[in-house]
N, C-alpha and C. Protein backbone atom coordinates (compact mmCIF):
# COMPACT_ATOMS: atom_id res chain seq x y z
N MET A 1 -29.28 -35.90 -195.33
CA MET A 1 -28.10 -36.70 -195.06
C MET A 1 -28.53 -38.04 -194.48
N ALA A 2 -27.98 -39.11 -195.02
CA ALA A 2 -28.32 -40.45 -194.56
C ALA A 2 -27.74 -40.71 -193.17
N VAL A 3 -28.49 -41.42 -192.37
CA VAL A 3 -28.04 -41.77 -191.02
C VAL A 3 -27.07 -42.94 -191.12
N LYS A 4 -25.93 -42.81 -190.44
CA LYS A 4 -24.96 -43.90 -190.40
C LYS A 4 -25.07 -44.57 -189.05
N LYS A 5 -24.94 -45.89 -189.05
CA LYS A 5 -25.09 -46.65 -187.81
C LYS A 5 -24.04 -47.75 -187.77
N TRP A 6 -23.37 -47.86 -186.63
CA TRP A 6 -22.40 -48.91 -186.40
C TRP A 6 -22.79 -49.64 -185.13
N THR A 7 -22.86 -50.95 -185.16
CA THR A 7 -23.16 -51.75 -183.98
C THR A 7 -21.84 -52.30 -183.46
N LEU A 8 -21.52 -51.95 -182.21
CA LEU A 8 -20.25 -52.39 -181.62
C LEU A 8 -20.42 -53.63 -180.76
N ILE A 9 -21.59 -53.73 -180.09
CA ILE A 9 -21.87 -54.88 -179.23
C ILE A 9 -23.34 -55.24 -179.41
N ASP A 10 -23.62 -56.50 -179.72
CA ASP A 10 -24.99 -57.00 -179.81
C ASP A 10 -24.96 -58.49 -179.50
N VAL A 11 -25.42 -58.84 -178.33
CA VAL A 11 -25.38 -60.24 -177.89
C VAL A 11 -26.25 -61.12 -178.78
N ALA A 12 -27.45 -60.67 -179.11
CA ALA A 12 -28.38 -61.47 -179.91
C ALA A 12 -27.81 -61.78 -181.30
N GLU A 13 -27.12 -60.84 -181.89
CA GLU A 13 -26.55 -61.02 -183.23
C GLU A 13 -25.09 -61.50 -183.20
N ARG A 14 -24.57 -61.72 -181.99
CA ARG A 14 -23.18 -62.15 -181.80
C ARG A 14 -22.17 -61.19 -182.44
N VAL A 15 -22.40 -59.90 -182.22
CA VAL A 15 -21.49 -58.86 -182.72
C VAL A 15 -20.71 -58.34 -181.53
N PHE A 16 -19.39 -58.32 -181.66
CA PHE A 16 -18.53 -57.77 -180.61
C PHE A 16 -17.21 -57.36 -181.21
N TYR A 17 -16.85 -56.12 -181.04
CA TYR A 17 -15.55 -55.61 -181.48
C TYR A 17 -14.70 -55.36 -180.24
N ASP A 18 -13.54 -55.97 -180.18
CA ASP A 18 -12.62 -55.73 -179.07
C ASP A 18 -12.01 -54.34 -179.20
N GLU A 19 -11.67 -53.96 -180.43
CA GLU A 19 -11.13 -52.63 -180.74
C GLU A 19 -11.90 -52.09 -181.94
N PHE A 20 -12.19 -50.79 -181.92
CA PHE A 20 -12.95 -50.17 -183.00
C PHE A 20 -12.65 -48.68 -183.00
N VAL A 21 -12.38 -48.09 -184.18
CA VAL A 21 -12.09 -46.65 -184.26
C VAL A 21 -12.81 -46.06 -185.47
N LEU A 22 -13.49 -44.93 -185.23
CA LEU A 22 -14.07 -44.13 -186.30
C LEU A 22 -13.46 -42.74 -186.21
N THR A 23 -12.98 -42.22 -187.31
CA THR A 23 -12.37 -40.89 -187.33
C THR A 23 -13.34 -39.88 -187.94
N SER A 24 -12.92 -38.64 -188.02
CA SER A 24 -13.72 -37.57 -188.63
C SER A 24 -14.17 -37.95 -190.04
N GLU A 25 -13.28 -38.54 -190.80
CA GLU A 25 -13.60 -38.94 -192.17
C GLU A 25 -14.71 -39.99 -192.19
N ASP A 26 -14.61 -41.00 -191.31
CA ASP A 26 -15.62 -42.05 -191.25
C ASP A 26 -16.98 -41.49 -190.84
N LEU A 27 -16.96 -40.48 -189.97
CA LEU A 27 -18.18 -39.88 -189.44
C LEU A 27 -18.76 -38.81 -190.36
N GLY A 28 -18.01 -38.43 -191.39
CA GLY A 28 -18.47 -37.37 -192.27
C GLY A 28 -18.49 -36.03 -191.57
N SER A 29 -17.56 -35.82 -190.65
CA SER A 29 -17.50 -34.61 -189.85
C SER A 29 -16.38 -33.71 -190.33
N ASP A 30 -16.59 -32.39 -190.20
CA ASP A 30 -15.53 -31.46 -190.54
C ASP A 30 -14.68 -31.11 -189.32
N LEU A 31 -14.97 -31.72 -188.18
CA LEU A 31 -14.16 -31.52 -186.98
C LEU A 31 -12.87 -32.32 -187.13
N ALA A 32 -11.74 -31.65 -187.00
CA ALA A 32 -10.44 -32.28 -187.25
C ALA A 32 -10.15 -33.43 -186.30
N ARG A 33 -10.54 -33.31 -185.02
CA ARG A 33 -10.16 -34.33 -184.05
C ARG A 33 -11.32 -35.23 -183.63
N ALA A 34 -12.43 -35.21 -184.33
CA ALA A 34 -13.57 -36.04 -183.95
C ALA A 34 -13.21 -37.51 -184.07
N GLU A 35 -13.59 -38.27 -183.05
CA GLU A 35 -13.25 -39.69 -183.04
C GLU A 35 -14.16 -40.45 -182.09
N ILE A 36 -14.47 -41.67 -182.46
CA ILE A 36 -15.15 -42.61 -181.57
C ILE A 36 -14.26 -43.84 -181.51
N ARG A 37 -13.91 -44.26 -180.30
CA ARG A 37 -12.98 -45.37 -180.14
C ARG A 37 -13.51 -46.32 -179.06
N LYS A 38 -13.59 -47.61 -179.40
CA LYS A 38 -13.98 -48.63 -178.42
C LYS A 38 -12.77 -49.48 -178.09
N SER A 39 -12.60 -49.73 -176.81
CA SER A 39 -11.51 -50.60 -176.37
C SER A 39 -11.98 -51.39 -175.16
N THR A 40 -11.18 -52.34 -174.75
CA THR A 40 -11.48 -53.16 -173.58
C THR A 40 -10.33 -53.04 -172.60
N LEU A 41 -10.66 -52.70 -171.35
CA LEU A 41 -9.64 -52.55 -170.33
C LEU A 41 -9.08 -53.91 -169.94
N ARG A 42 -7.81 -53.97 -169.60
CA ARG A 42 -7.15 -55.21 -169.21
C ARG A 42 -6.41 -55.02 -167.90
N GLY A 43 -6.49 -56.00 -167.03
CA GLY A 43 -5.76 -56.00 -165.77
C GLY A 43 -6.59 -55.50 -164.60
N GLY A 44 -6.37 -56.09 -163.44
CA GLY A 44 -7.01 -55.65 -162.21
C GLY A 44 -8.52 -55.80 -162.21
N LEU A 45 -9.18 -55.01 -161.39
CA LEU A 45 -10.64 -55.09 -161.26
C LEU A 45 -11.37 -54.67 -162.53
N ALA A 46 -10.73 -53.87 -163.37
CA ALA A 46 -11.36 -53.38 -164.60
C ALA A 46 -11.21 -54.34 -165.77
N ASP A 47 -10.55 -55.47 -165.58
CA ASP A 47 -10.30 -56.40 -166.67
C ASP A 47 -11.60 -56.80 -167.37
N GLY A 48 -11.64 -56.59 -168.67
CA GLY A 48 -12.79 -56.98 -169.47
C GLY A 48 -13.87 -55.92 -169.60
N VAL A 49 -13.70 -54.77 -168.98
CA VAL A 49 -14.70 -53.70 -169.07
C VAL A 49 -14.53 -52.98 -170.40
N ASP A 50 -15.63 -52.85 -171.14
CA ASP A 50 -15.61 -52.16 -172.43
C ASP A 50 -15.77 -50.65 -172.21
N VAL A 51 -15.03 -49.87 -172.99
CA VAL A 51 -15.07 -48.41 -172.91
C VAL A 51 -15.23 -47.85 -174.32
N VAL A 52 -16.18 -46.92 -174.49
CA VAL A 52 -16.33 -46.21 -175.75
C VAL A 52 -16.05 -44.74 -175.47
N ARG A 53 -15.02 -44.19 -176.14
CA ARG A 53 -14.69 -42.77 -175.98
C ARG A 53 -15.23 -42.00 -177.17
N ILE A 54 -16.04 -40.98 -176.87
CA ILE A 54 -16.59 -40.09 -177.89
C ILE A 54 -15.87 -38.75 -177.73
N HIS A 55 -15.29 -38.26 -178.83
CA HIS A 55 -14.49 -37.03 -178.77
C HIS A 55 -14.87 -36.16 -179.96
N ASN A 56 -15.24 -34.89 -179.71
CA ASN A 56 -15.63 -34.02 -180.81
C ASN A 56 -14.61 -32.91 -181.08
N GLY A 57 -13.46 -33.00 -180.47
CA GLY A 57 -12.43 -31.99 -180.64
C GLY A 57 -12.23 -31.17 -179.38
N ARG A 58 -13.29 -30.87 -178.67
CA ARG A 58 -13.21 -30.15 -177.39
C ARG A 58 -13.69 -31.03 -176.24
N LEU A 59 -14.85 -31.62 -176.41
CA LEU A 59 -15.46 -32.44 -175.37
C LEU A 59 -15.19 -33.91 -175.64
N ALA A 60 -14.74 -34.62 -174.62
CA ALA A 60 -14.55 -36.07 -174.74
C ALA A 60 -15.16 -36.72 -173.50
N PHE A 61 -15.80 -37.87 -173.71
CA PHE A 61 -16.33 -38.61 -172.56
C PHE A 61 -16.28 -40.10 -172.84
N ASP A 62 -16.13 -40.87 -171.77
CA ASP A 62 -16.08 -42.33 -171.84
C ASP A 62 -17.39 -42.90 -171.35
N VAL A 63 -17.96 -43.80 -172.13
CA VAL A 63 -19.18 -44.51 -171.78
C VAL A 63 -18.83 -45.98 -171.57
N LEU A 64 -19.44 -46.59 -170.57
CA LEU A 64 -19.24 -48.01 -170.29
C LEU A 64 -20.48 -48.78 -170.74
N PRO A 65 -20.50 -49.27 -172.00
CA PRO A 65 -21.70 -49.89 -172.54
C PRO A 65 -22.13 -51.18 -171.83
N THR A 66 -21.19 -51.91 -171.27
CA THR A 66 -21.54 -53.15 -170.59
C THR A 66 -21.74 -52.95 -169.09
N ARG A 67 -21.75 -51.70 -168.67
CA ARG A 67 -21.98 -51.35 -167.26
C ARG A 67 -23.10 -50.31 -167.16
N GLY A 68 -24.20 -50.55 -167.87
CA GLY A 68 -25.37 -49.70 -167.78
C GLY A 68 -25.30 -48.42 -168.58
N MET A 69 -24.38 -48.32 -169.55
CA MET A 69 -24.22 -47.14 -170.40
C MET A 69 -23.86 -45.89 -169.60
N GLY A 70 -23.25 -46.09 -168.44
CA GLY A 70 -22.88 -44.95 -167.60
C GLY A 70 -21.71 -44.18 -168.17
N ILE A 71 -21.70 -42.86 -167.91
CA ILE A 71 -20.55 -42.03 -168.27
C ILE A 71 -19.52 -42.20 -167.16
N TRP A 72 -18.33 -42.63 -167.55
CA TRP A 72 -17.28 -42.94 -166.58
C TRP A 72 -16.40 -41.73 -166.32
N LYS A 73 -15.91 -41.09 -167.38
CA LYS A 73 -15.02 -39.93 -167.27
C LYS A 73 -15.39 -38.94 -168.36
N ALA A 74 -15.05 -37.66 -168.15
CA ALA A 74 -15.30 -36.64 -169.17
C ALA A 74 -14.22 -35.58 -169.10
N TRP A 75 -13.94 -34.93 -170.24
CA TRP A 75 -12.94 -33.88 -170.34
C TRP A 75 -13.47 -32.78 -171.24
N LEU A 76 -13.13 -31.54 -170.92
CA LEU A 76 -13.40 -30.40 -171.80
C LEU A 76 -12.08 -29.68 -172.00
N ASP A 77 -11.62 -29.60 -173.23
CA ASP A 77 -10.32 -29.00 -173.54
C ASP A 77 -9.21 -29.63 -172.70
N ASP A 78 -9.17 -30.95 -172.63
CA ASP A 78 -8.16 -31.73 -171.89
C ASP A 78 -8.19 -31.51 -170.38
N GLU A 79 -9.23 -30.90 -169.88
CA GLU A 79 -9.38 -30.68 -168.42
C GLU A 79 -10.46 -31.63 -167.90
N PRO A 80 -10.13 -32.50 -166.93
CA PRO A 80 -11.14 -33.46 -166.42
C PRO A 80 -12.33 -32.75 -165.79
């Protein structure tokens, strides 16, 4: 199977997506709810912080790519 790669943020290449969504179909996954979604928070102290949510149907977690790639929040079966 060929490796698929999407670049969401790259300063050197001037690549930046404010909003980005990949679904199960895009990922070639048979998981019904699999999704990768990038968004940017607006308002307050979090204004401008990028968030990438990775969800495989059961496990979901938010990564902050512009804040050291730290995991911000996580859920298992909708339970934090």
